[in-house]
Amino acid sequence: MSPILTGPQSLIPVSVVTGFLGSGKTTLLNQLVQAREMRRALVIINEFGAISLDHDLIARSTDDLVVEMMGGCLCCTIRGDLLRTLREAPWRFAREGSCWFDRVVIETTGLADPAPILHTLMTDDHLTTLYRLDGVIATVDASTGMTTLDAQEEAIKQAAMADRILLTKTDIVSAREQTTLESRLHLINPAAPIIPVTNGQIEPAAIFDAGLYDPAIRSHDVQRWLKTEAYETEHRGHVHGHHHHHDVNRHDDHIHATCLTFDDPLDAEGFERWLDILTLFKGPDILRVKGIVNLVGEAKPVVIHGVQHIFHPPVLLESWPSEDRRTRLVIITRDISAEELRATLSLLTSGITRYDLAGFVEDMLNDHAPA
């Protein structure tokens, strides 16, 4: 081996794709996996909740390998799974006795605090002999970014730690709104270029090979977060204050992931009406809705994506991604219980009228609204 390849550049580069809920990570990854540069990439997807959806929504070629990590977020409950997966990957996924992949891309859940993940990649003795952190890619939703940054500390950390910030959904905001958000992101992370992206389309060269991750050139906040994580890991033996080991769907006392499945096809009008009413009364607290839906009279699956009060036009897939034909929904909310969501959605098959449904949902949500 040439001496120039024996240093850090000979290690397998790892790119971490982060970004708050609904900011376009899966859309980005769906485009990337089709690129030539990703033919020898190992993709690790972290799903928050007990139902897998992102894995089904990634269009993979036969050469791709996608590893799901479900049941919690990488920054807390299943961080050990990430360590184990990366340690075992070269031989566990070997082909003809040798490691076949030369790049790793990790898509985190939108609720993940990136500091513990980066700390793990940068400090684990075994991982540092196999991998190098190539860069952190953060997606920011241009339509909801300002509100998200106001309300979510994780979103600020994700932007601050990024080597590249991808500004998504710029086609649905004004130039002034985009400029205002870019100015704020520059204040958070002046070192990261901000790249507008539409429908996840970007050349891999623009985000990969960003160089070894060096926290010293990041803001003082980033250095503080990484140091805090190191201290808590070494001296307290737990992960950054998240105590939700018994509930894989809970991220803190307010944010909760509800996973709903339906064996029978859903009535299209009733389902759409339920979404409309829910977002009307609780839009700011509907952090993320995504799902594969089986509708009455439609042979193909419908994919829905929503962030707060914004729902993108549903997408009709060419075919079901697996033999599973059930409707599967993941709804991440703030201060809305799983029981409230199930109770209202169950009315889809009850024959209740449109007026009664609206009244029921309004009364129930108002009854549970914070004082």
Protein backbone atom coordinates (compact mmCIF):
# COMPACT_ATOMS: atom_id res chain seq x y z
CA MET A 1 0.00 0.00 0.00
CA SER A 2 1.23 3.45 -0.87
CA PRO A 3 2.29 5.50 2.20
CA ILE A 4 -0.24 8.17 1.26
CA LEU A 5 -3.05 5.65 1.84
CA THR A 6 -1.92 4.44 5.25
CA GLY A 7 -3.15 7.49 7.14
CA PRO A 8 -6.70 8.58 8.01
CA GLN A 9 -7.76 8.73 4.36
CA SER A 10 -7.40 4.92 4.13
CA LEU A 11 -10.25 4.54 6.63
CA ILE A 12 -13.86 4.13 5.49
CA PRO A 13 -15.58 7.54 5.39
CA VAL A 14 -18.79 7.95 7.37
CA SER A 15 -21.32 10.64 6.50
CA VAL A 16 -24.05 11.48 9.01
CA VAL A 17 -27.29 12.83 7.54
CA THR A 18 -29.20 14.73 10.19
CA GLY A 19 -32.03 17.23 10.24
CA PHE A 20 -35.27 17.76 12.10
CA LEU A 21 -38.47 15.82 11.42
CA GLY A 22 -39.75 16.21 7.89
CA SER A 23 -36.81 18.25 6.63
CA GLY A 24 -36.19 15.94 3.69
CA LYS A 25 -33.60 13.39 4.83
CA THR A 26 -35.34 10.39 3.27
CA THR A 27 -35.99 12.28 0.04
CA LEU A 28 -32.30 13.19 -0.12
CA LEU A 29 -31.20 9.63 0.59
CA ASN A 30 -33.59 8.28 -2.02
CA GLN A 31 -31.79 10.35 -4.63
CA LEU A 32 -28.30 9.59 -3.32
CA VAL A 33 -28.65 5.80 -3.36
CA GLN A 34 -29.21 5.93 -7.10
CA ALA A 35 -25.93 7.75 -7.73
CA ARG A 36 -22.81 5.98 -9.00
CA GLU A 37 -20.88 7.14 -5.92
CA MET A 38 -23.23 5.12 -3.70
CA ARG A 39 -22.86 1.74 -5.42
CA ARG A 40 -20.48 0.57 -2.68
CA ALA A 41 -22.13 2.34 0.24
CA LEU A 42 -23.52 0.83 3.42
CA VAL A 43 -26.62 2.81 4.45
CA ILE A 44 -27.81 2.78 8.07
CA ILE A 45 -31.29 4.15 8.70
CA ASN A 46 -32.49 4.96 12.22
CA GLU A 47 -36.28 4.86 12.61
CA PHE A 48 -37.88 6.44 15.70
CA GLY A 49 -40.75 4.19 16.69
CA ALA A 50 -41.76 0.58 16.35
CA ILE A 51 -42.81 0.59 12.67
CA SER A 52 -40.37 0.63 9.76
CA LEU A 53 -41.24 3.00 6.94
CA ASP A 54 -38.08 4.72 5.70
CA HIS A 55 -36.59 1.37 4.72
CA ASP A 56 -39.54 0.76 2.37
CA LEU A 57 -39.35 4.27 0.94
CA ILE A 58 -35.70 4.03 -0.13
CA ALA A 59 -35.37 2.95 -3.75
CA ARG A 60 -32.40 0.60 -3.71
CA SER A 61 -30.46 -1.09 -6.46
CA THR A 62 -29.40 -4.71 -6.07
CA ASP A 63 -25.92 -3.59 -5.03
CA ASP A 64 -27.12 -1.50 -2.11
CA LEU A 65 -27.33 -2.65 1.47
CA VAL A 66 -29.63 -0.82 3.86
CA VAL A 67 -29.52 -1.62 7.58
CA GLU A 68 -32.47 -0.62 9.74
CA MET A 69 -32.05 0.42 13.37
CA MET A 70 -35.45 0.69 15.02
CA GLY A 71 -36.87 1.03 18.50
CA GLY A 72 -35.41 4.36 19.54
CA CYS A 73 -33.03 7.10 18.52
CA LEU A 74 -29.31 6.66 17.91
CA CYS A 75 -28.48 9.40 20.38
CA CYS A 76 -29.92 7.51 23.31
CA THR A 77 -31.71 4.16 23.61
CA ILE A 78 -30.06 2.27 20.75
CA ARG A 79 -26.69 3.97 20.59
CA GLY A 80 -25.06 0.69 21.55
CA ASP A 81 -26.67 -0.88 18.49
CA LEU A 82 -24.90 1.64 16.27
CA LEU A 83 -21.57 0.78 17.86
CA ARG A 84 -22.16 -2.93 17.40
CA THR A 85 -23.36 -2.55 13.81
CA LEU A 86 -20.35 -0.49 12.75
CA ARG A 87 -17.90 -2.77 14.57
CA GLU A 88 -19.33 -5.90 12.96
CA ALA A 89 -20.18 -4.49 9.53
CA PRO A 90 -16.90 -5.28 7.67
CA TRP A 91 -17.20 -9.01 8.33
CA ARG A 92 -20.94 -9.33 8.97
CA PHE A 93 -21.75 -7.97 5.52
CA ALA A 94 -18.65 -9.34 3.83
CA ARG A 95 -18.82 -10.61 0.28
CA GLU A 96 -16.55 -13.43 -0.76
CA GLY A 97 -14.68 -13.05 2.49
CA SER A 98 -13.85 -9.35 2.20
CA CYS A 99 -15.38 -6.01 3.05
CA TRP A 100 -17.23 -4.77 -0.02
CA PHE A 101 -18.35 -1.27 1.01
CA ASP A 102 -16.10 1.78 0.94
CA ARG A 103 -18.51 4.35 2.37
CA VAL A 104 -21.07 4.51 5.18
CA VAL A 105 -24.06 6.85 5.27
CA ILE A 106 -26.05 7.10 8.51
CA GLU A 107 -29.50 8.70 8.43
CA THR A 108 -30.51 9.65 11.96
CA THR A 109 -34.00 10.13 13.25
CA GLY A 110 -35.16 13.74 13.13
CA LEU A 111 -35.19 13.90 16.93
CA ALA A 112 -31.60 12.79 17.35
CA ASP A 113 -29.16 15.03 19.17
CA PRO A 114 -26.06 14.70 16.95
CA ALA A 115 -23.50 15.29 19.72
CA PRO A 116 -23.61 11.74 21.21
CA ILE A 117 -23.47 10.15 17.75
CA LEU A 118 -20.44 12.18 16.68
CA HIS A 119 -18.76 11.56 20.00
CA THR A 120 -19.20 7.81 19.50
CA LEU A 121 -17.73 7.90 16.00
CA MET A 122 -14.79 10.05 17.07
CA THR A 123 -13.77 8.34 20.31
CA ASP A 124 -14.53 4.61 20.21
CA ASP A 125 -11.17 2.82 20.06
CA HIS A 126 -12.36 0.13 17.67
CA LEU A 127 -14.32 2.39 15.35
CA THR A 128 -11.41 4.79 14.91
CA THR A 129 -9.35 1.94 13.43
CA LEU A 130 -12.02 1.31 10.77
CA TYR A 131 -13.76 4.59 10.02
CA ARG A 132 -13.26 8.31 9.74
CA LEU A 133 -16.02 10.87 10.11
CA ASP A 134 -16.19 12.41 6.67
CA GLY A 135 -18.85 14.99 7.35
CA VAL A 136 -22.18 15.94 8.84
CA ILE A 137 -24.98 16.86 6.44
CA ALA A 138 -27.96 18.70 7.94
CA THR A 139 -31.22 19.21 6.09
CA VAL A 140 -33.28 22.25 7.05
CA ASP A 141 -36.87 22.76 5.88
CA ALA A 142 -37.13 26.25 4.35
CA SER A 143 -40.89 26.38 5.03
CA THR A 144 -40.78 25.51 8.74
CA GLY A 145 -37.14 26.13 9.60
CA MET A 146 -37.55 29.36 11.58
CA THR A 147 -40.33 27.90 13.74
CA THR A 148 -38.38 24.69 14.28
CA LEU A 149 -35.23 26.53 15.31
CA ASP A 150 -37.28 28.57 17.79
CA ALA A 151 -38.81 25.51 19.41
CA GLN A 152 -36.32 22.64 19.07
CA GLU A 153 -32.85 22.60 20.60
CA GLU A 154 -32.00 19.49 18.58
CA ALA A 155 -32.56 21.40 15.34
CA ILE A 156 -30.08 24.07 16.41
CA LYS A 157 -27.50 21.43 17.29
CA GLN A 158 -28.02 19.68 13.98
CA ALA A 159 -27.35 22.88 12.05
CA ALA A 160 -24.43 23.94 14.24
CA MET A 161 -22.58 20.67 13.79
CA ALA A 162 -23.02 20.42 10.06
CA ASP A 163 -20.29 20.53 7.43
CA ARG A 164 -22.98 21.11 4.82
CA ILE A 165 -26.46 22.57 5.36
CA LEU A 166 -29.01 21.58 2.73
CA LEU A 167 -31.93 23.99 2.54
CA THR A 168 -34.91 21.98 1.30
CA LYS A 169 -38.35 22.95 -0.01
CA THR A 170 -37.16 26.36 -1.21
CA ASP A 171 -39.70 26.10 -4.03
CA ILE A 172 -42.58 26.76 -1.61
CA VAL A 173 -41.18 29.83 0.19
CA SER A 174 -40.52 33.38 -0.89
CA ALA A 175 -37.03 34.69 -1.61
CA ARG A 176 -37.27 36.90 1.46
CA GLU A 177 -38.18 33.98 3.73
CA GLN A 178 -35.29 31.96 2.34
CA THR A 179 -32.82 34.81 2.84
CA THR A 180 -33.98 35.36 6.43
CA LEU A 181 -33.54 31.69 7.27
CA GLU A 182 -30.13 31.54 5.59
CA SER A 183 -28.99 34.54 7.63
CA ARG A 184 -29.99 32.78 10.83
CA LEU A 185 -28.26 29.58 9.80
CA HIS A 186 -25.09 31.54 9.01
CA LEU A 187 -25.16 32.92 12.54
CA ILE A 188 -25.54 29.41 13.95
CA ASN A 189 -22.83 27.90 11.74
CA PRO A 190 -20.82 30.39 9.69
CA ALA A 191 -18.43 27.69 8.45
CA ALA A 192 -20.99 25.50 6.68
CA PRO A 193 -22.05 26.29 3.11
CA ILE A 194 -25.82 26.46 2.67
CA ILE A 195 -26.97 24.61 -0.44
CA PRO A 196 -30.57 24.92 -1.72
CA VAL A 197 -31.95 21.52 -2.70
CA THR A 198 -35.17 20.65 -4.52
CA ASN A 199 -36.65 17.15 -4.23
CA GLY A 200 -33.40 15.84 -2.76
CA GLN A 201 -31.48 16.30 -6.00
CA ILE A 202 -27.83 17.10 -5.41
CA GLU A 203 -24.52 15.87 -6.74
CA PRO A 204 -22.84 13.56 -4.19
CA ALA A 205 -19.57 15.44 -4.71
CA ALA A 206 -21.19 18.50 -3.14
CA ILE A 207 -21.71 16.78 0.20
CA PHE A 208 -19.24 13.90 0.38
CA ASP A 209 -15.51 14.04 1.03
CA ALA A 210 -15.88 17.06 3.26
CA GLY A 211 -12.69 16.21 5.12
CA LEU A 212 -12.03 14.84 8.59
CA TYR A 213 -14.46 16.21 11.14
CA ASP A 214 -12.70 18.70 13.40
CA PRO A 215 -14.80 20.03 16.27
CA ALA A 216 -12.15 22.67 16.95
CA ILE A 217 -13.34 24.73 13.98
CA ARG A 218 -16.96 24.60 15.04
CA SER A 219 -18.65 27.07 17.33
CA HIS A 220 -18.03 27.12 21.06
CA ASP A 221 -21.49 25.62 21.56
CA VAL A 222 -20.53 22.55 19.52
CA GLN A 223 -17.35 22.03 21.52
CA ARG A 224 -19.38 22.36 24.72
CA TRP A 225 -21.95 19.78 23.57
CA LEU A 226 -19.25 17.27 22.67
CA LYS A 227 -17.43 17.81 25.97
CA THR A 228 -20.69 17.47 27.88
CA GLU A 229 -21.42 14.19 26.15
CA ALA A 230 -17.95 12.86 26.95
CA TYR A 231 -18.36 13.76 30.62
CA GLU A 232 -21.79 12.20 30.94
CA THR A 233 -20.73 9.03 29.19
CA GLU A 234 -17.63 8.55 31.32
CA HIS A 235 -18.86 9.67 34.72
CA ARG A 236 -22.59 9.06 34.77
CA GLY A 237 -22.97 5.98 32.62
CA HIS A 238 -26.06 7.17 30.82
CA VAL A 239 -26.85 9.09 27.70
CA HIS A 240 -27.48 12.85 27.82
CA GLY A 241 -30.34 12.84 30.25
CA HIS A 242 -32.90 10.86 28.21
CA HIS A 243 -34.57 8.38 30.53
CA HIS A 244 -36.90 6.50 28.22
CA HIS A 245 -35.45 3.03 28.08
CA HIS A 246 -38.83 1.40 28.70
CA ASP A 247 -40.71 3.22 25.93
CA VAL A 248 -39.01 3.04 22.55
CA ASN A 249 -41.41 5.58 21.10
CA ARG A 250 -40.89 8.32 23.66
CA HIS A 251 -38.14 10.90 23.21
CA ASP A 252 -38.96 13.16 26.16
CA ASP A 253 -41.94 14.09 28.34
CA HIS A 254 -43.68 15.94 25.50
CA ILE A 255 -42.66 14.42 22.16
CA HIS A 256 -44.14 11.03 21.38
CA ALA A 257 -44.27 8.74 18.35
CA THR A 258 -47.53 6.91 17.74
CA CYS A 259 -47.48 3.95 15.34
CA LEU A 260 -50.82 2.97 13.84
CA THR A 261 -51.61 0.02 11.55
CA PHE A 262 -54.83 -0.94 9.78
CA ASP A 263 -55.40 -4.30 8.15
CA ASP A 264 -58.32 -3.19 6.00
CA PRO A 265 -58.18 -0.40 3.40
CA LEU A 266 -59.18 3.04 4.68
CA ASP A 267 -61.89 5.27 3.29
CA ALA A 268 -60.08 8.01 1.37
CA GLU A 269 -62.50 10.82 2.19
CA GLY A 270 -62.66 9.96 5.87
CA PHE A 271 -58.89 9.68 6.17
CA GLU A 272 -58.32 13.03 4.46
CA ARG A 273 -60.96 14.64 6.66
CA TRP A 274 -59.27 13.31 9.80
CA LEU A 275 -55.92 14.77 8.75
CA ASP A 276 -57.51 18.13 7.93
CA ILE A 277 -59.26 18.41 11.28
CA LEU A 278 -56.25 17.23 13.24
CA THR A 279 -53.88 19.73 11.66
CA LEU A 280 -56.47 22.51 11.94
CA PHE A 281 -56.72 22.24 15.70
CA LYS A 282 -53.26 20.90 16.61
CA GLY A 283 -51.08 21.77 13.60
CA PRO A 284 -48.05 23.18 15.49
CA ASP A 285 -47.92 20.03 17.63
CA ILE A 286 -48.04 17.60 14.70
CA LEU A 287 -44.29 17.45 14.27
CA ARG A 288 -44.29 14.74 11.65
CA VAL A 289 -46.71 12.46 9.88
CA LYS A 290 -45.56 9.86 7.40
CA GLY A 291 -47.06 6.67 6.21
CA ILE A 292 -47.95 4.16 3.55
CA VAL A 293 -51.71 4.06 3.16
CA ASN A 294 -53.99 1.44 1.62
CA LEU A 295 -57.12 3.21 0.38
CA VAL A 296 -60.41 1.66 -0.67
CA GLY A 297 -60.56 1.28 -4.46
CA GLU A 298 -56.84 1.99 -4.98
CA ALA A 299 -54.58 -0.95 -5.88
CA LYS A 300 -51.35 0.99 -5.38
CA PRO A 301 -50.04 2.35 -2.07
CA VAL A 302 -50.22 6.05 -1.27
CA VAL A 303 -47.35 7.71 0.58
CA ILE A 304 -48.11 10.74 2.74
CA HIS A 305 -45.70 13.23 4.29
CA GLY A 306 -46.63 16.03 6.64
CA VAL A 307 -44.78 18.48 8.87
CA GLN A 308 -46.81 20.55 11.31
CA HIS A 309 -49.59 22.14 9.22
CA ILE A 310 -47.92 21.46 5.85
CA PHE A 311 -48.80 18.31 3.93
CA HIS A 312 -47.19 17.55 0.63
CA PRO A 313 -49.29 16.11 -2.19
CA PRO A 314 -49.69 12.36 -1.70
CA VAL A 315 -47.51 10.17 -3.90
CA LEU A 316 -48.87 7.06 -5.58
CA LEU A 317 -46.17 4.39 -5.71
CA GLU A 318 -45.91 2.08 -8.71
CA SER A 319 -46.20 -0.96 -6.46
CA TRP A 320 -46.11 -2.05 -2.85
CA PRO A 321 -42.53 -2.21 -1.55
CA SER A 322 -43.21 -5.53 0.20
CA GLU A 323 -45.91 -8.13 0.73
CA ASP A 324 -47.24 -6.07 3.63
CA ARG A 325 -50.41 -4.33 2.40
CA ARG A 326 -51.43 -2.77 5.69
CA THR A 327 -51.74 0.95 6.25
CA ARG A 328 -48.81 1.98 8.45
CA LEU A 329 -48.63 5.45 9.99
CA VAL A 330 -46.00 7.04 12.19
CA ILE A 331 -47.21 10.26 13.84
CA ILE A 332 -44.75 12.22 15.98
CA THR A 333 -46.49 14.78 18.13
CA ARG A 334 -46.00 17.13 21.03
CA ASP A 335 -48.42 16.75 23.94
CA ILE A 336 -50.89 14.60 21.98
CA SER A 337 -51.37 11.11 23.32
CA ALA A 338 -51.54 7.92 21.31
CA GLU A 339 -55.02 7.33 22.75
CA GLU A 340 -56.28 10.63 21.32
CA LEU A 341 -54.96 9.79 17.87
CA ARG A 342 -56.32 6.25 17.90
CA ALA A 343 -59.72 7.36 19.18
CA THR A 344 -60.22 9.92 16.43
CA LEU A 345 -58.85 7.77 13.64
CA SER A 346 -61.03 4.83 14.66
CA LEU A 347 -64.02 6.96 13.72
CA LEU A 348 -63.09 6.49 10.08
CA THR A 349 -64.98 3.18 10.02
CA SER A 350 -67.74 4.13 12.44
CA GLY A 351 -70.01 5.82 9.92
CA ILE A 352 -69.96 9.09 11.87
CA THR A 353 -70.96 12.15 9.86
CA ARG A 354 -68.54 14.86 8.86
CA TYR A 355 -70.12 17.37 11.27
CA ASP A 356 -70.05 14.97 14.21
CA LEU A 357 -66.45 13.98 13.50
CA ALA A 358 -65.29 17.59 13.48
CA GLY A 359 -67.12 18.31 16.69
CA PHE A 360 -65.79 15.20 18.40
CA VAL A 361 -62.17 15.93 17.47
CA GLU A 362 -62.42 19.58 18.46
CA ASP A 363 -63.99 18.77 21.83
CA MET A 364 -61.50 16.02 22.62
CA LEU A 365 -58.39 17.99 21.67
CA ASN A 366 -59.61 21.08 23.49
CA ASP A 367 -60.27 19.01 26.58
CA HIS A 368 -56.67 17.84 26.54
CA ALA A 369 -55.11 21.18 25.61
CA PRO A 370 -52.63 22.63 28.12
CA ALA A 371 -54.12 25.21 30.46
